């Protein structure tokens, strides 16, 4: 999965600097987008899911739980399956 590279178009940087001149140094560190009016913001990426998390997710979905009362027993069964796999 490619990482997001934030960028600001030259026209966007110019507009920001007209309003807030003190940001010149900070905006100088941001890459220029190919499109002069472009803007590419990157959200914060979460931590990658572990094999355990994937197993628990798949296992719990397969059990088709109907209500909170069934969840603890299903979770214990899924965790036991995980331990048996290792």
N, C-alpha and C. Protein backbone atom coordinates (compact mmCIF):
# COMPACT_ATOMS: atom_id res chain seq x y z
N UNK A 1 0.85 -1.17 0.00
CA UNK A 1 0.00 0.00 0.00
C UNK A 1 0.90 1.24 0.00
N UNK A 2 0.76 2.10 -1.01
CA UNK A 2 1.62 3.28 -1.07
C UNK A 2 1.27 4.27 0.03
N UNK A 3 2.28 4.88 0.55
CA UNK A 3 2.06 5.89 1.58
C UNK A 3 1.59 7.17 0.93
N UNK A 4 0.79 7.90 1.62
CA UNK A 4 0.28 9.16 1.13
C UNK A 4 1.37 10.23 1.32
N UNK A 5 1.57 11.03 0.28
CA UNK A 5 2.52 12.13 0.36
C UNK A 5 1.74 13.44 0.30
N UNK A 6 1.62 14.14 1.42
CA UNK A 6 0.86 15.38 1.42
C UNK A 6 1.52 16.43 0.53
N UNK A 7 0.69 17.20 -0.16
CA UNK A 7 1.23 18.28 -0.99
C UNK A 7 0.21 19.40 -1.10
N UNK A 8 0.71 20.58 -1.44
CA UNK A 8 -0.11 21.76 -1.68
C UNK A 8 0.30 22.34 -3.02
N UNK A 9 -0.69 22.74 -3.81
CA UNK A 9 -0.39 23.41 -5.06
C UNK A 9 0.19 24.79 -4.79
N UNK A 10 0.95 25.31 -5.76
CA UNK A 10 1.58 26.62 -5.58
C UNK A 10 0.55 27.72 -5.36
N UNK A 11 -0.59 27.65 -6.06
CA UNK A 11 -1.63 28.66 -5.87
C UNK A 11 -2.24 28.58 -4.47
N UNK A 12 -2.37 27.37 -3.96
CA UNK A 12 -2.92 27.18 -2.61
C UNK A 12 -1.96 27.75 -1.58
N UNK A 13 -0.67 27.46 -1.73
CA UNK A 13 0.33 28.01 -0.80
C UNK A 13 0.31 29.54 -0.83
N UNK A 14 0.22 30.10 -2.03
CA UNK A 14 0.21 31.56 -2.17
C UNK A 14 -1.00 32.16 -1.44
N UNK A 15 -2.16 31.54 -1.60
CA UNK A 15 -3.37 32.03 -0.94
C UNK A 15 -3.25 31.96 0.58
N UNK A 16 -2.67 30.89 1.07
CA UNK A 16 -2.49 30.75 2.52
C UNK A 16 -1.52 31.81 3.04
N UNK A 17 -0.42 32.01 2.32
CA UNK A 17 0.57 32.99 2.76
C UNK A 17 0.05 34.42 2.71
N UNK A 18 -0.89 34.71 1.81
CA UNK A 18 -1.50 36.04 1.78
C UNK A 18 -2.30 36.30 3.05
N UNK A 19 -2.90 35.25 3.59
CA UNK A 19 -3.71 35.39 4.80
C UNK A 19 -2.87 35.27 6.07
N UNK A 20 -1.88 34.38 6.05
CA UNK A 20 -1.05 34.13 7.25
C UNK A 20 0.41 34.10 6.83
N UNK A 21 1.06 35.23 6.73
CA UNK A 21 2.45 35.28 6.27
C UNK A 21 3.43 34.52 7.16
N UNK A 22 3.12 34.32 8.41
CA UNK A 22 4.02 33.65 9.34
C UNK A 22 4.21 32.17 9.06
N UNK A 23 3.46 31.61 8.14
CA UNK A 23 3.56 30.18 7.85
C UNK A 23 4.54 29.86 6.72
N UNK A 24 5.32 30.85 6.30
CA UNK A 24 6.21 30.66 5.15
C UNK A 24 7.18 29.49 5.36
N UNK A 25 7.83 29.42 6.51
CA UNK A 25 8.79 28.34 6.77
C UNK A 25 8.11 26.98 6.79
N UNK A 26 6.94 26.91 7.42
CA UNK A 26 6.21 25.65 7.53
C UNK A 26 5.73 25.18 6.15
N UNK A 27 5.17 26.07 5.37
CA UNK A 27 4.68 25.70 4.05
C UNK A 27 5.82 25.35 3.10
N UNK A 28 7.00 25.89 3.34
CA UNK A 28 8.15 25.56 2.52
C UNK A 28 8.56 24.10 2.65
N UNK A 29 8.18 23.47 3.76
CA UNK A 29 8.52 22.07 3.99
C UNK A 29 7.54 21.11 3.32
N UNK A 30 6.37 21.63 2.90
CA UNK A 30 5.35 20.79 2.26
C UNK A 30 5.63 20.73 0.77
N UNK A 31 5.57 19.53 0.20
CA UNK A 31 5.83 19.33 -1.23
C UNK A 31 4.79 20.05 -2.08
N UNK A 32 5.19 20.41 -3.30
CA UNK A 32 4.27 21.04 -4.25
C UNK A 32 3.54 19.95 -5.02
N UNK A 33 2.23 20.11 -5.16
CA UNK A 33 1.44 19.21 -6.00
C UNK A 33 1.66 19.58 -7.46
N UNK A 34 1.45 18.63 -8.36
CA UNK A 34 1.57 18.90 -9.79
C UNK A 34 0.55 19.95 -10.22
N UNK A 35 -0.66 19.83 -9.71
CA UNK A 35 -1.73 20.78 -10.01
C UNK A 35 -1.54 22.01 -9.12
N UNK A 36 -1.42 23.22 -9.71
CA UNK A 36 -1.20 24.42 -8.90
C UNK A 36 -2.32 24.69 -7.88
N UNK A 37 -3.50 24.15 -8.17
CA UNK A 37 -4.62 24.33 -7.24
C UNK A 37 -4.88 23.06 -6.44
N UNK A 38 -3.97 22.11 -6.51
CA UNK A 38 -4.15 20.82 -5.87
C UNK A 38 -3.91 20.85 -4.37
N UNK A 39 -4.48 19.88 -3.71
CA UNK A 39 -4.36 19.74 -2.26
C UNK A 39 -4.47 18.25 -1.95
N UNK A 40 -3.48 17.68 -1.33
CA UNK A 40 -3.50 16.27 -0.94
C UNK A 40 -3.18 16.19 0.54
N UNK A 41 -4.19 15.81 1.31
CA UNK A 41 -4.02 15.65 2.75
C UNK A 41 -4.01 14.17 3.07
N UNK A 42 -3.28 13.79 4.06
CA UNK A 42 -3.19 12.39 4.43
C UNK A 42 -3.76 12.19 5.82
N UNK A 43 -4.64 11.21 5.94
CA UNK A 43 -5.16 10.87 7.25
C UNK A 43 -4.15 10.04 8.00
N UNK A 44 -4.37 9.92 9.26
CA UNK A 44 -3.47 9.14 10.07
C UNK A 44 -3.77 7.66 9.86
N UNK A 45 -2.79 6.92 9.49
CA UNK A 45 -2.98 5.49 9.26
C UNK A 45 -2.95 4.76 10.58
N UNK A 46 -3.84 3.81 10.72
CA UNK A 46 -3.87 3.02 11.94
C UNK A 46 -2.84 1.91 11.90
N UNK A 47 -2.70 1.28 13.00
CA UNK A 47 -1.78 0.16 13.11
C UNK A 47 -2.33 -1.00 12.29
N UNK A 48 -1.47 -1.74 11.66
CA UNK A 48 -1.88 -2.89 10.88
C UNK A 48 -2.48 -3.95 11.81
N UNK A 49 -3.48 -4.63 11.31
CA UNK A 49 -4.13 -5.66 12.12
C UNK A 49 -3.20 -6.87 12.26
N UNK A 50 -3.16 -7.40 13.46
CA UNK A 50 -2.32 -8.57 13.71
C UNK A 50 -3.04 -9.84 13.24
N UNK A 51 -2.31 -10.91 13.15
CA UNK A 51 -2.90 -12.19 12.76
C UNK A 51 -3.97 -12.61 13.77
N UNK A 52 -3.72 -12.34 15.05
CA UNK A 52 -4.69 -12.67 16.10
C UNK A 52 -5.98 -11.88 15.89
N UNK A 53 -5.87 -10.59 15.62
CA UNK A 53 -7.04 -9.76 15.42
C UNK A 53 -7.84 -10.24 14.21
N UNK A 54 -7.15 -10.58 13.14
CA UNK A 54 -7.82 -11.11 11.94
C UNK A 54 -8.56 -12.41 12.27
N UNK A 55 -7.89 -13.29 13.01
CA UNK A 55 -8.51 -14.57 13.38
C UNK A 55 -9.76 -14.34 14.21
N UNK A 56 -9.66 -13.51 15.23
CA UNK A 56 -10.80 -13.26 16.11
C UNK A 56 -11.95 -12.65 15.32
N UNK A 57 -11.65 -11.70 14.45
CA UNK A 57 -12.69 -11.06 13.65
C UNK A 57 -13.42 -12.08 12.78
N UNK A 58 -12.67 -12.90 12.07
CA UNK A 58 -13.25 -13.92 11.19
C UNK A 58 -14.05 -14.94 12.00
N UNK A 59 -13.47 -15.37 13.09
CA UNK A 59 -14.11 -16.38 13.95
C UNK A 59 -15.43 -15.86 14.53
N UNK A 60 -15.42 -14.64 15.05
CA UNK A 60 -16.62 -14.08 15.66
C UNK A 60 -17.73 -13.86 14.61
N UNK A 61 -17.34 -13.43 13.43
CA UNK A 61 -18.33 -13.24 12.36
C UNK A 61 -18.94 -14.57 11.95
N UNK A 62 -18.12 -15.62 11.92
CA UNK A 62 -18.59 -16.95 11.52
C UNK A 62 -19.59 -17.51 12.53
N UNK A 63 -19.50 -17.10 13.77
CA UNK A 63 -20.38 -17.62 14.81
C UNK A 63 -21.76 -16.97 14.78
N UNK A 64 -21.93 -15.89 14.02
CA UNK A 64 -23.23 -15.22 13.85
C UNK A 64 -23.94 -15.02 15.20
N UNK A 65 -23.31 -14.25 16.05
CA UNK A 65 -23.79 -13.99 17.40
C UNK A 65 -25.06 -13.13 17.35
N UNK A 66 -26.04 -13.54 18.14
CA UNK A 66 -27.30 -12.79 18.20
C UNK A 66 -27.51 -12.32 19.64
N UNK A 67 -26.87 -11.21 19.98
CA UNK A 67 -27.03 -10.65 21.31
C UNK A 67 -25.75 -10.69 22.11
N UNK A 68 -25.71 -9.80 23.10
CA UNK A 68 -24.50 -9.68 23.92
C UNK A 68 -24.27 -10.90 24.80
N UNK A 69 -25.32 -11.62 25.13
CA UNK A 69 -25.18 -12.79 26.00
C UNK A 69 -24.35 -13.90 25.39
N UNK A 70 -24.36 -14.00 24.07
CA UNK A 70 -23.61 -15.06 23.39
C UNK A 70 -22.15 -14.68 23.14
N UNK A 71 -21.83 -13.41 23.19
CA UNK A 71 -20.49 -12.94 22.82
C UNK A 71 -19.35 -13.47 23.70
N UNK A 72 -19.49 -13.45 25.03
CA UNK A 72 -18.34 -13.91 25.85
C UNK A 72 -17.95 -15.36 25.58
N UNK A 73 -18.93 -16.23 25.45
CA UNK A 73 -18.63 -17.64 25.19
C UNK A 73 -18.00 -17.81 23.82
N UNK A 74 -18.50 -17.07 22.84
CA UNK A 74 -17.94 -17.15 21.48
C UNK A 74 -16.50 -16.63 21.47
N UNK A 75 -16.23 -15.56 22.21
CA UNK A 75 -14.89 -15.00 22.27
C UNK A 75 -13.92 -16.00 22.91
N UNK A 76 -14.37 -16.64 23.98
CA UNK A 76 -13.53 -17.65 24.63
C UNK A 76 -13.23 -18.81 23.67
N UNK A 77 -14.22 -19.22 22.90
CA UNK A 77 -14.03 -20.31 21.93
C UNK A 77 -13.04 -19.89 20.84
N UNK A 78 -13.19 -18.67 20.36
CA UNK A 78 -12.27 -18.17 19.32
C UNK A 78 -10.84 -18.08 19.86
N UNK A 79 -10.68 -17.61 21.08
CA UNK A 79 -9.36 -17.51 21.68
C UNK A 79 -8.75 -18.89 21.87
N UNK A 80 -9.58 -19.87 22.23
CA UNK A 80 -9.08 -21.24 22.40
C UNK A 80 -8.65 -21.81 21.05
N UNK A 81 -9.40 -21.51 19.99
CA UNK A 81 -9.00 -21.94 18.65
C UNK A 81 -7.65 -21.35 18.27
N UNK A 82 -7.45 -20.08 18.61
CA UNK A 82 -6.19 -19.42 18.30
C UNK A 82 -5.02 -20.07 19.02
N UNK A 83 -5.23 -20.36 20.31
CA UNK A 83 -4.16 -21.01 21.07
C UNK A 83 -3.86 -22.39 20.51
N UNK A 84 -4.88 -23.11 20.06
CA UNK A 84 -4.69 -24.46 19.51
C UNK A 84 -3.93 -24.38 18.17
N UNK A 85 -4.16 -23.32 17.42
CA UNK A 85 -3.48 -23.14 16.14
C UNK A 85 -1.99 -22.93 16.29
N UNK A 86 -1.62 -22.23 17.35
CA UNK A 86 -0.21 -21.88 17.54
C UNK A 86 0.56 -23.06 17.94
